[in-house]
Protein backbone atom coordinates (compact mmCIF):
# COMPACT_ATOMS: atom_id res chain seq x y z
CA MET A 1 0.09 0.06 -0.06
CA VAL A 2 2.81 2.41 0.84
CA ASP A 3 4.57 1.76 -2.42
CA SER A 4 1.41 2.28 -4.37
CA ILE A 5 0.74 5.65 -2.61
CA HIS A 6 4.43 6.61 -3.13
CA ARG A 7 4.16 5.97 -6.85
CA GLU A 8 0.67 7.28 -7.54
CA LYS A 9 0.97 10.52 -5.44
CA LYS A 10 4.76 10.91 -5.57
CA ILE A 11 4.89 11.25 -1.77
CA ASP A 12 8.04 10.18 0.16
CA LYS A 13 7.70 6.80 1.79
CA GLU A 14 8.85 8.08 5.19
CA ILE A 15 5.99 10.67 5.15
CA ILE A 16 3.58 7.92 4.47
CA PHE A 17 4.86 5.75 7.22
CA ARG A 18 4.79 8.59 9.68
CA SER A 19 1.25 9.49 8.70
CA ILE A 20 0.15 5.87 9.21
CA GLU A 21 1.75 5.84 12.71
CA SER A 22 0.15 9.23 13.56
CA ALA A 23 -3.27 8.04 12.39
CA ILE A 24 -3.10 4.86 14.42
CA THR A 25 -1.87 6.86 17.55
CA THR A 26 -4.71 9.35 17.05
CA SER A 27 -7.24 6.66 16.84
CA ALA A 28 -5.81 4.81 19.95
CA ARG A 29 -5.91 8.07 21.93
CA LYS A 30 -9.56 8.31 21.11
CA GLN A 31 -10.04 4.75 22.37
CA TYR A 32 -7.80 4.91 25.61
CA GLY A 33 -8.06 8.61 26.50
CA GLU A 34 -5.84 11.64 25.75
CA SER A 35 -3.82 11.23 28.91
CA ALA A 36 -2.56 7.69 27.81
CA SER A 37 1.01 7.67 26.47
CA ILE A 38 0.64 5.91 23.23
CA ILE A 39 3.60 5.01 20.95
CA ILE A 40 2.91 3.25 17.63
CA SER A 41 5.51 2.20 14.99
CA VAL A 42 5.42 0.44 11.71
CA ASP A 43 8.38 -1.69 10.56
CA ARG A 44 9.49 -0.10 7.35
CA LEU A 45 10.35 -3.48 5.81
CA THR A 46 7.56 -5.82 6.99
CA GLY A 47 4.79 -3.36 7.46
CA GLU A 48 4.04 -4.89 10.90
CA PHE A 49 2.65 -2.61 13.62
CA SER A 50 3.81 -2.38 17.18
CA GLY A 51 3.05 -0.15 20.07
CA THR A 52 2.77 0.64 23.69
CA LYS A 53 0.27 2.19 26.01
CA ASP A 54 1.77 3.73 29.08
CA GLY A 55 4.90 1.50 28.44
CA ILE A 56 3.04 -1.71 28.25
CA PRO A 57 3.07 -3.46 24.76
CA PHE A 58 -0.14 -3.82 22.87
CA THR A 59 -1.08 -7.27 21.99
CA SER A 60 -1.71 -7.98 18.29
CA GLU A 61 -5.47 -8.38 19.14
CA GLU A 62 -5.46 -4.91 20.63
CA LEU A 63 -3.83 -3.46 17.60
CA ASP A 64 -6.16 -5.12 15.25
CA ALA A 65 -9.52 -4.87 17.05
CA ARG A 66 -9.46 -2.03 19.47
CA ILE A 67 -8.09 0.85 17.42
CA GLY A 68 -10.70 2.15 15.12
CA ALA A 69 -9.78 1.58 11.52
CA GLN A 70 -12.34 4.24 10.22
CA SER A 71 -10.72 6.88 12.47
CA ALA A 72 -7.24 5.94 11.35
CA ARG A 73 -8.38 6.01 7.69
CA GLN A 74 -9.67 9.58 8.10
CA VAL A 75 -6.44 10.73 9.59
CA MET A 76 -4.45 9.00 6.82
CA THR A 77 -6.56 10.62 4.10
CA GLN A 78 -6.01 14.03 5.59
CA LYS A 79 -2.23 13.54 6.02
CA ILE A 80 -1.92 12.40 2.36
CA LYS A 81 -3.78 15.36 1.09
CA GLU A 82 -1.43 17.68 3.14
CA ALA A 83 1.54 15.98 1.68
CA GLU A 84 0.23 16.52 -1.89
């Protein structure tokens, strides 16, 4: 997906990865509260997500199920438009 956006929109891959991380972090904060310390990262080679909430690693189920995909998608769309 990152390669596709990179080619189609001519946006640097690192900007896309940071946007994805930001989108998921924003979505997680809505789920867990603004005071939670949320850190999300995307492996640049595999595309796998990892993250922590208040220093405790998320399980893969939490990353998949609890973080709202729709909210993350909206933030991603906005970030891509800004990058264009």
